[in-house]
Amino acid sequence: MTEAPDPATALELERIRGQLGEGFAKIEGGLALLVQRSDQTDRALGHQRAELVDQDRRLTELERAQSAAGDLGGRVNRLEARRWPLPAIGALTGVGALVIAAASLLHH
Protein backbone atom coordinates (compact mmCIF):
# COMPACT_ATOMS: atom_id res chain seq x y z
CA MET A 1 0.00 0.00 0.00
CA THR A 2 0.97 3.55 0.15
CA GLU A 3 3.34 4.83 2.61
CA ALA A 4 2.63 7.99 4.50
CA PRO A 5 4.45 10.94 2.99
CA ASP A 6 7.55 12.01 4.76
CA PRO A 7 6.93 15.32 6.57
CA ALA A 8 10.23 16.71 5.26
CA THR A 9 9.18 15.89 1.69
CA ALA A 10 5.80 17.54 2.18
CA LEU A 11 7.50 20.59 3.64
CA GLU A 12 9.94 20.74 0.71
CA LEU A 13 7.09 20.43 -1.80
CA GLU A 14 5.26 23.27 -0.08
CA ARG A 15 8.41 25.43 -0.22
CA ILE A 16 8.83 24.67 -3.94
CA ARG A 17 5.16 25.55 -4.53
CA GLY A 18 5.72 28.90 -2.82
CA GLN A 19 8.82 29.62 -4.90
CA LEU A 20 6.95 28.70 -8.10
CA GLY A 21 4.10 31.01 -7.10
CA GLU A 22 6.54 33.85 -6.45
CA GLY A 23 8.30 33.18 -9.76
CA PHE A 24 5.03 33.20 -11.67
CA ALA A 25 3.98 36.42 -9.93
CA LYS A 26 7.27 38.06 -10.96
CA ILE A 27 6.82 36.84 -14.53
CA GLU A 28 3.24 38.14 -14.64
CA GLY A 29 4.38 41.50 -13.25
CA GLY A 30 7.13 41.71 -15.83
CA LEU A 31 4.71 40.82 -18.61
CA ALA A 32 2.24 43.45 -17.41
CA LEU A 33 5.03 46.04 -17.42
CA LEU A 34 6.03 45.01 -20.95
CA VAL A 35 2.43 45.29 -22.13
CA GLN A 36 2.16 48.75 -20.55
CA ARG A 37 5.38 49.90 -22.21
CA SER A 38 4.25 48.43 -25.52
CA ASP A 39 1.01 50.42 -25.28
CA GLN A 40 2.96 53.59 -24.49
CA THR A 41 5.24 52.93 -27.46
CA ASP A 42 2.22 52.39 -29.72
CA ARG A 43 0.74 55.71 -28.60
CA ALA A 44 4.06 57.49 -29.12
CA LEU A 45 4.37 55.96 -32.58
CA GLY A 46 0.85 57.12 -33.37
CA HIS A 47 1.77 60.68 -32.39
CA GLN A 48 4.99 60.48 -34.42
CA ARG A 49 3.08 59.14 -37.41
CA ALA A 50 0.59 62.02 -37.18
CA GLU A 51 3.43 64.55 -36.93
CA LEU A 52 5.18 62.95 -39.90
CA VAL A 53 2.01 63.15 -42.00
CA ASP A 54 1.62 66.82 -41.01
CA GLN A 55 5.27 67.56 -41.86
CA ASP A 56 4.87 65.80 -45.21
CA ARG A 57 1.76 67.88 -45.97
CA ARG A 58 3.57 71.10 -45.05
CA LEU A 59 6.59 70.14 -47.17
CA THR A 60 4.34 69.47 -50.15
CA GLU A 61 2.73 72.90 -49.70
CA LEU A 62 6.16 74.56 -49.52
CA GLU A 63 7.32 72.77 -52.66
CA ARG A 64 4.19 73.94 -54.50
CA ALA A 65 4.75 77.50 -53.28
CA GLN A 66 8.39 77.43 -54.39
CA SER A 67 7.38 76.09 -57.78
CA ALA A 68 4.78 78.84 -58.14
CA ALA A 69 7.32 81.45 -57.02
CA GLY A 70 9.82 80.14 -59.58
CA ASP A 71 7.19 80.40 -62.31
CA LEU A 72 6.33 83.92 -61.16
CA GLY A 73 10.01 84.92 -61.20
CA GLY A 74 10.32 83.68 -64.77
CA ARG A 75 7.24 85.63 -65.80
CA VAL A 76 8.60 88.80 -64.18
CA ASN A 77 11.93 88.37 -65.98
CA ARG A 78 10.18 87.92 -69.34
CA LEU A 79 8.00 90.98 -68.73
CA GLU A 80 11.01 93.09 -67.77
CA ALA A 81 12.80 92.04 -70.94
CA ARG A 82 9.81 93.07 -73.09
CA ARG A 83 8.88 96.31 -71.35
CA TRP A 84 9.22 99.62 -73.09
CA PRO A 85 12.32 101.61 -72.26
CA LEU A 86 10.25 104.13 -70.34
CA PRO A 87 13.14 106.20 -68.92
CA ALA A 88 14.59 106.73 -72.41
CA ILE A 89 11.16 107.68 -73.82
CA GLY A 90 10.66 110.12 -70.95
CA ALA A 91 14.04 111.75 -71.61
CA LEU A 92 13.35 112.03 -75.35
CA THR A 93 9.93 113.55 -74.67
CA GLY A 94 11.52 116.11 -72.35
CA VAL A 95 14.17 117.02 -74.92
CA GLY A 96 11.50 117.25 -77.64
CA ALA A 97 9.38 119.56 -75.49
CA LEU A 98 12.43 121.71 -74.80
CA VAL A 99 13.24 121.96 -78.52
CA ILE A 100 9.63 122.88 -79.37
CA ALA A 101 9.56 125.49 -76.58
CA ALA A 102 12.88 126.96 -77.71
CA ALA A 103 11.72 127.03 -81.34
CA SER A 104 8.48 128.78 -80.43
CA LEU A 105 10.42 131.39 -78.42
CA LEU A 106 12.79 132.02 -81.30
CA HIS A 107 9.97 132.48 -83.85
CA HIS A 108 8.23 135.20 -81.87
PDB file of N, CA and C in Angstrom:
ATOM      1  N   MET A   1       0.709  -1.077   0.000  1.00  0.00           N
ATOM      2  CA  MET A   1       0.000   0.000   0.000  1.00  0.00           C
ATOM      3  C   MET A   1       0.829   1.260   0.000  1.00  0.00           C
ATOM      4  N   THR A   2       0.219   2.309   0.239  1.00  0.00           N
ATOM      5  CA  THR A   2       0.970   3.547   0.146  1.00  0.00           C
ATOM      6  C   THR A   2       1.536   3.921   1.492  1.00  0.00           C
ATOM      7  N   GLU A   3       2.700   4.406   1.375  1.00  0.00           N
ATOM      8  CA  GLU A   3       3.345   4.835   2.607  1.00  0.00           C
ATOM      9  C   GLU A   3       2.939   6.274   2.895  1.00  0.00           C
ATOM     10  N   ALA A   4       2.944   6.625   4.104  1.00  0.00           N
ATOM     11  CA  ALA A   4       2.627   7.993   4.502  1.00  0.00           C
ATOM     12  C   ALA A   4       3.752   8.906   4.030  1.00  0.00           C
ATOM     13  N   PRO A   5       3.404  10.059   3.470  1.00  0.00           N
ATOM     14  CA  PRO A   5       4.454  10.941   2.988  1.00  0.00           C
ATOM     15  C   PRO A   5       5.329  11.417   4.133  1.00  0.00           C
ATOM     16  N   ASP A   6       6.568  11.529   3.789  1.00  0.00           N
ATOM     17  CA  ASP A   6       7.551  12.007   4.757  1.00  0.00           C
ATOM     18  C   ASP A   6       7.268  13.489   5.027  1.00  0.00           C
ATOM     19  N   PRO A   7       7.210  13.915   6.275  1.00  0.00           N
ATOM     20  CA  PRO A   7       6.927  15.318   6.575  1.00  0.00           C
ATOM     21  C   PRO A   7       7.964  16.263   5.956  1.00  0.00           C
ATOM     22  N   ALA A   8       9.197  15.853   5.849  1.00  0.00           N
ATOM     23  CA  ALA A   8      10.234  16.706   5.260  1.00  0.00           C
ATOM     24  C   ALA A   8       9.959  16.897   3.771  1.00  0.00           C
ATOM     25  N   THR A   9       9.501  15.816   3.115  1.00  0.00           N
ATOM     26  CA  THR A   9       9.181  15.891   1.689  1.00  0.00           C
ATOM     27  C   THR A   9       7.990  16.823   1.470  1.00  0.00           C
ATOM     28  N   ALA A  10       6.976  16.685   2.294  1.00  0.00           N
ATOM     29  CA  ALA A  10       5.797  17.545   2.175  1.00  0.00           C
ATOM     30  C   ALA A  10       6.182  19.008   2.402  1.00  0.00           C
ATOM     31  N   LEU A  11       7.047  19.232   3.361  1.00  0.00           N
ATOM     32  CA  LEU A  11       7.496  20.593   3.638  1.00  0.00           C
ATOM     33  C   LEU A  11       8.293  21.158   2.456  1.00  0.00           C
ATOM     34  N   GLU A  12       9.143  20.316   1.864  1.00  0.00           N
ATOM     35  CA  GLU A  12       9.944  20.744   0.714  1.00  0.00           C
ATOM     36  C   GLU A  12       9.045  21.039  -0.489  1.00  0.00           C
ATOM     37  N   LEU A  13       8.033  20.195  -0.707  1.00  0.00           N
ATOM     38  CA  LEU A  13       7.087  20.427  -1.797  1.00  0.00           C
ATOM     39  C   LEU A  13       6.338  21.748  -1.591  1.00  0.00           C
ATOM     40  N   GLU A  14       5.959  22.023  -0.383  1.00  0.00           N
ATOM     41  CA  GLU A  14       5.256  23.275  -0.079  1.00  0.00           C
ATOM     42  C   GLU A  14       6.169  24.479  -0.322  1.00  0.00           C
ATOM     43  N   ARG A  15       7.445  24.357   0.018  1.00  0.00           N
ATOM     44  CA  ARG A  15       8.413  25.429  -0.223  1.00  0.00           C
ATOM     45  C   ARG A  15       8.599  25.655  -1.726  1.00  0.00           C
ATOM     46  N   ILE A  16       8.676  24.567  -2.484  1.00  0.00           N
ATOM     47  CA  ILE A  16       8.830  24.669  -3.938  1.00  0.00           C
ATOM     48  C   ILE A  16       7.595  25.322  -4.551  1.00  0.00           C
ATOM     49  N   ARG A  17       6.403  24.933  -4.049  1.00  0.00           N
ATOM     50  CA  ARG A  17       5.162  25.554  -4.532  1.00  0.00           C
ATOM     51  C   ARG A  17       5.186  27.071  -4.287  1.00  0.00           C
ATOM     52  N   GLY A  18       5.637  27.473  -3.148  1.00  0.00           N
ATOM     53  CA  GLY A  18       5.721  28.904  -2.824  1.00  0.00           C
ATOM     54  C   GLY A  18       6.692  29.626  -3.751  1.00  0.00           C
ATOM     55  N   GLN A  19       7.837  29.001  -3.995  1.00  0.00           N
ATOM     56  CA  GLN A  19       8.816  29.616  -4.897  1.00  0.00           C
ATOM     57  C   GLN A  19       8.268  29.719  -6.328  1.00  0.00           C
ATOM     58  N   LEU A  20       7.565  28.665  -6.766  1.00  0.00           N
ATOM     59  CA  LEU A  20       6.953  28.703  -8.096  1.00  0.00           C
ATOM     60  C   LEU A  20       5.906  29.814  -8.178  1.00  0.00           C
ATOM     61  N   GLY A  21       5.117  29.952  -7.128  1.00  0.00           N
ATOM     62  CA  GLY A  21       4.101  31.012  -7.099  1.00  0.00           C
ATOM     63  C   GLY A  21       4.744  32.387  -7.175  1.00  0.00           C
ATOM     64  N   GLU A  22       5.820  32.574  -6.410  1.00  0.00           N
ATOM     65  CA  GLU A  22       6.535  33.852  -6.451  1.00  0.00           C
ATOM     66  C   GLU A  22       7.136  34.103  -7.835  1.00  0.00           C
ATOM     67  N   GLY A  23       7.700  33.058  -8.419  1.00  0.00           N
ATOM     68  CA  GLY A  23       8.299  33.181  -9.756  1.00  0.00           C
ATOM     69  C   GLY A  23       7.256  33.556 -10.795  1.00  0.00           C
ATOM     70  N   PHE A  24       6.099  32.871 -10.728  1.00  0.00           N
ATOM     71  CA  PHE A  24       5.025  33.199 -11.672  1.00  0.00           C
ATOM     72  C   PHE A  24       4.516  34.626 -11.463  1.00  0.00           C
ATOM     73  N   ALA A  25       4.437  35.058 -10.216  1.00  0.00           N
ATOM     74  CA  ALA A  25       3.981  36.423  -9.928  1.00  0.00           C
ATOM     75  C   ALA A  25       4.968  37.443 -10.514  1.00  0.00           C
ATOM     76  N   LYS A  26       6.270  37.166 -10.374  1.00  0.00           N
ATOM     77  CA  LYS A  26       7.273  38.062 -10.956  1.00  0.00           C
ATOM     78  C   LYS A  26       7.157  38.096 -12.480  1.00  0.00           C
ATOM     79  N   ILE A  27       6.953  36.916 -13.073  1.00  0.00           N
ATOM     80  CA  ILE A  27       6.817  36.843 -14.532  1.00  0.00           C
ATOM     81  C   ILE A  27       5.578  37.611 -14.984  1.00  0.00           C
ATOM     82  N   GLU A  28       4.468  37.429 -14.281  1.00  0.00           N
ATOM     83  CA  GLU A  28       3.235  38.139 -14.636  1.00  0.00           C
ATOM     84  C   GLU A  28       3.416  39.654 -14.487  1.00  0.00           C
ATOM     85  N   GLY A  29       4.111  40.071 -13.431  1.00  0.00           N
ATOM     86  CA  GLY A  29       4.379  41.500 -13.247  1.00  0.00           C
ATOM     87  C   GLY A  29       5.242  42.052 -14.373  1.00  0.00           C
ATOM     88  N   GLY A  30       6.268  41.282 -14.729  1.00  0.00           N
ATOM     89  CA  GLY A  30       7.135  41.708 -15.829  1.00  0.00           C
ATOM     90  C   GLY A  30       6.378  41.786 -17.144  1.00  0.00           C
ATOM     91  N   LEU A  31       5.513  40.802 -17.385  1.00  0.00           N
ATOM     92  CA  LEU A  31       4.712  40.821 -18.609  1.00  0.00           C
ATOM     93  C   LEU A  31       3.749  42.006 -18.623  1.00  0.00           C
ATOM     94  N   ALA A  32       3.145  42.301 -17.485  1.00  0.00           N
ATOM     95  CA  ALA A  32       2.235  43.452 -17.406  1.00  0.00           C
ATOM     96  C   ALA A  32       2.995  44.748 -17.698  1.00  0.00           C
ATOM     97  N   LEU A  33       4.212  44.856 -17.161  1.00  0.00           N
ATOM     98  CA  LEU A  33       5.031  46.040 -17.423  1.00  0.00           C
ATOM     99  C   LEU A  33       5.378  46.141 -18.910  1.00  0.00           C
ATOM    100  N   LEU A  34       5.721  45.001 -19.522  1.00  0.00           N
ATOM    101  CA  LEU A  34       6.034  45.006 -20.950  1.00  0.00           C
ATOM    102  C   LEU A  34       4.822  45.404 -21.791  1.00  0.00           C
ATOM    103  N   VAL A  35       3.651  44.925 -21.406  1.00  0.00           N
ATOM    104  CA  VAL A  35       2.432  45.294 -22.130  1.00  0.00           C
ATOM    105  C   VAL A  35       2.173  46.790 -21.990  1.00  0.00           C
ATOM    106  N   GLN A  36       2.364  47.321 -20.778  1.00  0.00           N
ATOM    107  CA  GLN A  36       2.158  48.755 -20.554  1.00  0.00           C
ATOM    108  C   GLN A  36       3.130  49.573 -21.406  1.00  0.00           C
ATOM    109  N   ARG A  37       4.383  49.178 -21.413  1.00  0.00           N
ATOM    110  CA  ARG A  37       5.379  49.904 -22.215  1.00  0.00           C
ATOM    111  C   ARG A  37       5.086  49.771 -23.709  1.00  0.00           C
ATOM    112  N   SER A  38       4.617  48.618 -24.119  1.00  0.00           N
ATOM    113  CA  SER A  38       4.250  48.428 -25.521  1.00  0.00           C
ATOM    114  C   SER A  38       3.100  49.358 -25.904  1.00  0.00           C
ATOM    115  N   ASP A  39       2.120  49.495 -25.018  1.00  0.00           N
ATOM    116  CA  ASP A  39       1.007  50.416 -25.278  1.00  0.00           C
ATOM    117  C   ASP A  39       1.500  51.862 -25.362  1.00  0.00           C
ATOM    118  N   GLN A  40       2.404  52.234 -24.454  1.00  0.00           N
ATOM    119  CA  GLN A  40       2.963  53.589 -24.488  1.00  0.00           C
ATOM    120  C   GLN A  40       3.727  53.822 -25.793  1.00  0.00           C
ATOM    121  N   THR A  41       4.483  52.820 -26.212  1.00  0.00           N
ATOM    122  CA  THR A  41       5.239  52.927 -27.458  1.00  0.00           C
ATOM    123  C   THR A  41       4.295  53.057 -28.646  1.00  0.00           C
ATOM    124  N   ASP A  42       3.211  52.286 -28.638  1.00  0.00           N
ATOM    125  CA  ASP A  42       2.224  52.386 -29.720  1.00  0.00           C
ATOM    126  C   ASP A  42       1.617  53.783 -29.784  1.00  0.00           C
ATOM    127  N   ARG A  43       1.304  54.351 -28.618  1.00  0.00           N
ATOM    128  CA  ARG A  43       0.741  55.706 -28.599  1.00  0.00           C
ATOM    129  C   ARG A  43       1.765  56.720 -29.114  1.00  0.00           C
ATOM    130  N   ALA A  44       3.012  56.568 -28.664  1.00  0.00           N
ATOM    131  CA  ALA A  44       4.062  57.490 -29.115  1.00  0.00           C
ATOM    132  C   ALA A  44       4.266  57.371 -30.626  1.00  0.00           C
ATOM    133  N   LEU A  45       4.238  56.146 -31.139  1.00  0.00           N
ATOM    134  CA  LEU A  45       4.374  55.960 -32.580  1.00  0.00           C
ATOM    135  C   LEU A  45       3.202  56.579 -33.328  1.00  0.00           C
ATOM    136  N   GLY A  46       2.025  56.487 -32.758  1.00  0.00           N
ATOM    137  CA  GLY A  46       0.855  57.116 -33.375  1.00  0.00           C
ATOM    138  C   GLY A  46       1.023  58.622 -33.465  1.00  0.00           C
ATOM    139  N   HIS A  47       1.530  59.225 -32.385  1.00  0.00           N
ATOM    140  CA  HIS A  47       1.773  60.675 -32.393  1.00  0.00           C
ATOM    141  C   HIS A  47       2.851  61.028 -33.420  1.00  0.00           C
ATOM    142  N   GLN A  48       3.917  60.225 -33.457  1.00  0.00           N
ATOM    143  CA  GLN A  48       4.994  60.479 -34.415  1.00  0.00           C
ATOM    144  C   GLN A  48       4.478  60.343 -35.845  1.00  0.00           C
ATOM    145  N   ARG A  49       3.646  59.346 -36.077  1.00  0.00           N
ATOM    146  CA  ARG A  49       3.083  59.140 -37.409  1.00  0.00           C
ATOM    147  C   ARG A  49       2.238  60.350 -37.814  1.00  0.00           C
ATOM    148  N   ALA A  50       1.425  60.848 -36.887  1.00  0.00           N
ATOM    149  CA  ALA A  50       0.586  62.018 -37.180  1.00  0.00           C
ATOM    150  C   ALA A  50       1.462  63.239 -37.471  1.00  0.00           C
ATOM    151  N   GLU A  51       2.524  63.427 -36.694  1.00  0.00           N
ATOM    152  CA  GLU A  51       3.430  64.553 -36.930  1.00  0.00           C
ATOM    153  C   GLU A  51       4.132  64.415 -38.278  1.00  0.00           C
ATOM    154  N   LEU A  52       4.510  63.184 -38.621  1.00  0.00           N
ATOM    155  CA  LEU A  52       5.179  62.948 -39.897  1.00  0.00           C
ATOM    156  C   LEU A  52       4.243  63.254 -41.064  1.00  0.00           C
ATOM    157  N   VAL A  53       2.991  62.856 -40.951  1.00  0.00           N
ATOM    158  CA  VAL A  53       2.013  63.153 -42.001  1.00  0.00           C
ATOM    159  C   VAL A  53       1.841  64.664 -42.125  1.00  0.00           C
ATOM    160  N   ASP A  54       1.771  65.361 -40.985  1.00  0.00           N
ATOM    161  CA  ASP A  54       1.625  66.819 -41.005  1.00  0.00           C
ATOM    162  C   ASP A  54       2.853  67.477 -41.638  1.00  0.00           C
ATOM    163  N   GLN A  55       4.042  67.011 -41.280  1.00  0.00           N
ATOM    164  CA  GLN A  55       5.275  67.563 -41.858  1.00  0.00           C
ATOM    165  C   GLN A  55       5.316  67.313 -43.365  1.00  0.00           C
ATOM    166  N   ASP A  56       4.893  66.129 -43.788  1.00  0.00           N
ATOM    167  CA  ASP A  56       4.874  65.804 -45.206  1.00  0.00           C
ATOM    168  C   ASP A  56       3.905  66.723 -45.951  1.00  0.00           C
ATOM    169  N   ARG A  57       2.742  66.988 -45.352  1.00  0.00           N
ATOM    170  CA  ARG A  57       1.760  67.881 -45.967  1.00  0.00           C
ATOM    171  C   ARG A  57       2.338  69.291 -46.097  1.00  0.00           C
ATOM    172  N   ARG A  58       2.989  69.760 -45.025  1.00  0.00           N
ATOM    173  CA  ARG A  58       3.570  71.101 -45.049  1.00  0.00           C
ATOM    174  C   ARG A  58       4.695  71.197 -46.080  1.00  0.00           C
ATOM    175  N   LEU A  59       5.508  70.150 -46.190  1.00  0.00           N
ATOM    176  CA  LEU A  59       6.592  70.142 -47.169  1.00  0.00           C
ATOM    177  C   LEU A  59       6.033  70.191 -48.586  1.00  0.00           C
ATOM    178  N   THR A  60       4.971  69.450 -48.831  1.00  0.00           N
ATOM    179  CA  THR A  60       4.339  69.471 -50.150  1.00  0.00           C
ATOM    180  C   THR A  60       3.827  70.869 -50.474  1.00  0.00           C
ATOM    181  N   GLU A  61       3.209  71.531 -49.495  1.00  0.00           N
ATOM    182  CA  GLU A  61       2.727  72.898 -49.705  1.00  0.00           C
ATOM    183  C   GLU A  61       3.885  73.852 -50.000  1.00  0.00           C
ATOM    184  N   LEU A  62       4.993  73.701 -49.268  1.00  0.00           N
ATOM    185  CA  LEU A  62       6.160  74.556 -49.519  1.00  0.00           C
ATOM    186  C   LEU A  62       6.734  74.326 -50.912  1.00  0.00           C
ATOM    187  N   GLU A  63       6.804  73.071 -51.326  1.00  0.00           N
ATOM    188  CA  GLU A  63       7.324  72.773 -52.657  1.00  0.00           C
ATOM    189  C   GLU A  63       6.435  73.383 -53.733  1.00  0.00           C
ATOM    190  N   ARG A  64       5.113  73.313 -53.541  1.00  0.00           N
ATOM    191  CA  ARG A  64       4.194  73.938 -54.498  1.00  0.00           C
ATOM    192  C   ARG A  64       4.402  75.454 -54.528  1.00  0.00           C
ATOM    193  N   ALA A  65       4.558  76.053 -53.347  1.00  0.00           N
ATOM    194  CA  ALA A  65       4.754  77.504 -53.276  1.00  0.00           C
ATOM    195  C   ALA A  65       6.059  77.903 -53.956  1.00  0.00           C
ATOM    196  N   GLN A  66       7.115  77.118 -53.746  1.00  0.00           N
ATOM    197  CA  GLN A  66       8.394  77.429 -54.387  1.00  0.00           C
ATOM    198  C   GLN A  66       8.286  77.292 -55.899  1.00  0.00           C
ATOM    199  N   SER A  67       7.570  76.276 -56.345  1.00  0.00           N
ATOM    200  CA  SER A  67       7.378  76.092 -57.780  1.00  0.00           C
ATOM    201  C   SER A  67       6.609  77.269 -58.370  1.00  0.00           C
ATOM    202  N   ALA A  68       5.561  77.691 -57.670  1.00  0.00           N
ATOM    203  CA  ALA A  68       4.779  78.839 -58.139  1.00  0.00           C
ATOM    204  C   ALA A  68       5.630  80.106 -58.129  1.00  0.00           C
ATOM    205  N   ALA A  69       6.455  80.271 -57.102  1.00  0.00           N
ATOM    206  CA  ALA A  69       7.322  81.450 -57.023  1.00  0.00           C
ATOM    207  C   ALA A  69       8.351  81.425 -58.148  1.00  0.00           C
ATOM    208  N   GLY A  70       8.869  80.252 -58.464  1.00  0.00           N
ATOM    209  CA  GLY A  70       9.815  80.139 -59.577  1.00  0.00           C
ATOM    210  C   GLY A  70       9.161  80.505 -60.892  1.00  0.00           C
ATOM    211  N   ASP A  71       7.927  80.039 -61.098  1.00  0.00           N
ATOM    212  CA  ASP A  71       7.189  80.401 -62.308  1.00  0.00           C
ATOM    213  C   ASP A  71       6.940  81.901 -62.357  1.00  0.00           C
ATOM    214  N   LEU A  72       6.592  82.483 -61.233  1.00  0.00           N
ATOM    215  CA  LEU A  72       6.331  83.919 -61.163  1.00  0.00           C
ATOM    216  C   LEU A  72       7.607  84.709 -61.458  1.00  0.00           C
ATOM    217  N   GLY A  73       8.729  84.247 -60.929  1.00  0.00           N
ATOM    218  CA  GLY A  73      10.005  84.920 -61.200  1.00  0.00           C
ATOM    219  C   GLY A  73      10.341  84.897 -62.685  1.00  0.00           C
ATOM    220  N   GLY A  74      10.083  83.774 -63.335  1.00  0.00           N
ATOM    221  CA  GLY A  74      10.323  83.684 -64.772  1.00  0.00           C
ATOM    222  C   GLY A  74       9.427  84.631 -65.553  1.00  0.00           C
ATOM    223  N   ARG A  75       8.167  84.714 -65.135  1.00  0.00           N
ATOM    224  CA  ARG A  75       7.236  85.634 -65.802  1.00  0.00           C
ATOM    225  C   ARG A  75       7.693  87.081 -65.635  1.00  0.00           C
ATOM    226  N   VAL A  76       8.130  87.436 -64.430  1.00  0.00           N
ATOM    227  CA  VAL A  76       8.602  88.804 -64.184  1.00  0.00           C
ATOM    228  C   VAL A  76       9.817  89.103 -65.055  1.00  0.00           C
ATOM    229  N   ASN A  77      10.734  88.157 -65.149  1.00  0.00           N
ATOM    230  CA  ASN A  77      11.928  88.372 -65.983  1.00  0.00           C
ATOM    231  C   ASN A  77      11.552  88.571 -67.448  1.00  0.00           C
ATOM    232  N   ARG A  78      10.607  87.768 -67.948  1.00  0.00           N
ATOM    233  CA  ARG A  78      10.179  87.918 -69.342  1.00  0.00           C
ATOM    234  C   ARG A  78       9.492  89.270 -69.562  1.00  0.00           C
ATOM    235  N   LEU A  79       8.667  89.684 -68.604  1.00  0.00           N
ATOM    236  CA  LEU A  79       7.997  90.983 -68.728  1.00  0.00           C
ATOM    237  C   LEU A  79       8.995  92.131 -68.688  1.00  0.00           C
ATOM    238  N   GLU A  80       9.998  92.028 -67.832  1.00  0.00           N
ATOM    239  CA  GLU A  80      11.007  93.086 -67.767  1.00  0.00           C
ATOM    240  C   GLU A  80      11.803  93.165 -69.063  1.00  0.00           C
ATOM    241  N   ALA A  81      12.043  92.034 -69.687  1.00  0.00           N
ATOM    242  CA  ALA A  81      12.800  92.039 -70.937  1.00  0.00           C
ATOM    243  C   ALA A  81      11.988  92.669 -72.069  1.00  0.00           C
ATOM    244  N   ARG A  82      10.656  92.560 -72.024  1.00  0.00           N
ATOM    245  CA  ARG A  82       9.810  93.069 -73.094  1.00  0.00           C
ATOM    246  C   ARG A  82       9.246  94.456 -72.821  1.00  0.00           C
ATOM    247  N   ARG A  83       9.503  95.027 -71.679  1.00  0.00           N
ATOM    248  CA  ARG A  83       8.880  96.308 -71.346  1.00  0.00           C
ATOM    249  C   ARG A  83       9.503  97.422 -72.184  1.00  0.00           C
ATOM    250  N   TRP A  84       8.746  98.465 -72.342  1.00  0.00           N
ATOM    251  CA  TRP A  84       9.222  99.616 -73.090  1.00  0.00           C
ATOM    252  C   TRP A  84      10.323 100.300 -72.291  1.00  0.00           C
ATOM    253  N   PRO A  85      11.269 100.865 -72.981  1.00  0.00           N
ATOM    254  CA  PRO A  85      12.320 101.607 -72.262  1.00  0.00           C
ATOM    255  C   PRO A  85      11.774 102.961 -71.806  1.00  0.00           C
ATOM    256  N   LEU A  86      10.954 102.929 -70.794  1.00  0.00           N
ATOM    257  CA  LEU A  86      10.252 104.127 -70.337  1.00  0.00           C
ATOM    258  C   LEU A  86      11.181 105.276 -69.944  1.00  0.00           C
ATOM    259  N   PRO A  87      12.276 105.052 -69.255  1.00  0.00           N
ATOM    260  CA  PRO A  87      13.137 106.197 -68.922  1.00  0.00           C
ATOM    261  C   PRO A  87      13.687 106.897 -70.170  1.00  0.00           C
ATOM    262  N   ALA A  88      14.059 106.118 -71.180  1.00  0.00           N
ATOM    263  CA  ALA A  88      14.589 106.731 -72.412  1.00  0.00           C
ATOM    264  C   ALA A  88      13.497 107.515 -73.127  1.00  0.00           C
ATOM    265  N   ILE A  89      12.279 106.975 -73.179  1.00  0.00           N
ATOM    266  CA  ILE A  89      11.164 107.677 -73.822  1.00  0.00           C
ATOM    267  C   ILE A  89      10.859 108.974 -73.069  1.00  0.00           C
ATOM    268  N   GLY A  90      10.894 108.918 -71.754  1.00  0.00           N
ATOM    269  CA  GLY A  90      10.662 110.124 -70.949  1.00  0.00           C
ATOM    270  C   GLY A  90      11.706 111.193 -71.224  1.00  0.00           C
ATOM    271  N   ALA A  91      12.969 110.782 -71.332  1.00  0.00           N
ATOM    272  CA  ALA A  91      14.037 111.748 -71.606  1.00  0.00           C
ATOM    273  C   ALA A  91      13.872 112.349 -72.998  1.00  0.00           C
ATOM    274  N   LEU A  92      13.546 111.520 -73.987  1.00  0.00           N
ATOM    275  CA  LEU A  92      13.347 112.029 -75.346  1.00  0.00           C
ATOM    276  C   LEU A  92      12.158 112.979 -75.414  1.00  0.00           C
ATOM    277  N   THR A  93      11.098 112.675 -74.702  1.00  0.00           N
ATOM    278  CA  THR A  93       9.928 113.551 -74.668  1.00  0.00           C
ATOM    279  C   THR A  93      10.302 114.897 -74.056  1.00  0.00           C
ATOM    280  N   GLY A  94      11.073 114.869 -72.996  1.00  0.00           N
ATOM    281  CA  GLY A  94      11.518 116.109 -72.354  1.00  0.00           C
ATOM    282  C   GLY A  94      12.373 116.944 -73.280  1.00  0.00           C
ATOM    283  N   VAL A  95      13.297 116.303 -73.986  1.00  0.00           N
ATOM    284  CA  VAL A  95      14.166 117.022 -74.921  1.00  0.00           C
ATOM    285  C   VAL A  95      13.331 117.586 -76.068  1.00  0.00           C
ATOM    286  N   GLY A  96      12.375 116.769 -76.554  1.00  0.00           N
ATOM    287  CA  GLY A  96      11.496 117.245 -77.641  1.00  0.00           C
ATOM    288  C   GLY A  96      10.690 118.453 -77.206  1.00  0.00           C
ATOM    289  N   ALA A  97      10.163 118.426 -76.003  1.00  0.00           N
ATOM    290  CA  ALA A  97       9.384 119.560 -75.491  1.00  0.00           C
ATOM    291  C   ALA A  97      10.270 120.789 -75.355  1.00  0.00           C
ATOM    292  N   LEU A  98      11.496 120.597 -74.928  1.00  0.00           N
ATOM    293  CA  LEU A  98      12.433 121.710 -74.800  1.00  0.00           C
ATOM    294  C   LEU A  98      12.741 122.319 -76.164  1.00  0.00           C
ATOM    295  N   VAL A  99      12.944 121.480 -77.166  1.00  0.00           N
ATOM    296  CA  VAL A  99      13.237 121.963 -78.520  1.00  0.00           C
ATOM    297  C   VAL A  99      12.042 122.739 -79.069  1.00  0.00           C
ATOM    298  N   ILE A 100      10.838 122.199 -78.874  1.00  0.00           N
ATOM    299  CA  ILE A 100       9.631 122.883 -79.368  1.00  0.00           C
ATOM    300  C   ILE A 100       9.459 124.224 -78.653  1.00  0.00           C
ATOM    301  N   ALA A 101       9.686 124.234 -77.337  1.00  0.00           N
ATOM    302  CA  ALA A 101       9.556 125.490 -76.578  1.00  0.00           C
ATOM    303  C   ALA A 101      10.593 126.506 -77.041  1.00  0.00           C
ATOM    304  N   ALA A 102      11.825 126.053 -77.261  1.00  0.00           N
ATOM    305  CA  ALA A 102      12.881 126.963 -77.714  1.00  0.00           C
ATOM    306  C   ALA A 102      12.572 127.485 -79.112  1.00  0.00           C
ATOM    307  N   ALA A 103      12.052 126.613 -79.971  1.00  0.00           N
ATOM    308  CA  ALA A 103      11.722 127.025 -81.341  1.00  0.00           C
ATOM    309  C   ALA A 103      10.585 128.038 -81.337  1.00  0.00           C
ATOM    310  N   SER A 104       9.603 127.828 -80.476  1.00  0.00           N
ATOM    311  CA  SER A 104       8.484 128.779 -80.425  1.00  0.00           C
ATOM    312  C   SER A 104       8.938 130.120 -79.860  1.00  0.00           C
ATOM    313  N   LEU A 105       9.891 130.131 -78.957  1.00  0.00           N
ATOM    314  CA  LEU A 105      10.417 131.386 -78.421  1.00  0.00           C
ATOM    315  C   LEU A 105      11.235 132.135 -79.477  1.00  0.00           C
ATOM    316  N   LEU A 106      11.954 131.399 -80.280  1.00  0.00           N
ATOM    317  CA  LEU A 106      12.789 132.022 -81.298  1.00  0.00           C
ATOM    318  C   LEU A 106      11.952 132.577 -82.449  1.00  0.00           C
ATOM    319  N   HIS A 107      10.818 132.018 -82.747  1.00  0.00           N
ATOM    320  CA  HIS A 107       9.974 132.480 -83.845  1.00  0.00           C
ATOM    321  C   HIS A 107       9.175 133.703 -83.454  1.00  0.00           C
ATOM    322  N   HIS A 108       9.035 134.030 -82.283  1.00  0.00           N
ATOM    323  CA  HIS A 108       8.228 135.195 -81.871  1.00  0.00           C
ATOM    324  C   HIS A 108       9.059 136.382 -81.775  1.00  0.00           C
TER     325      HIS A 108
END
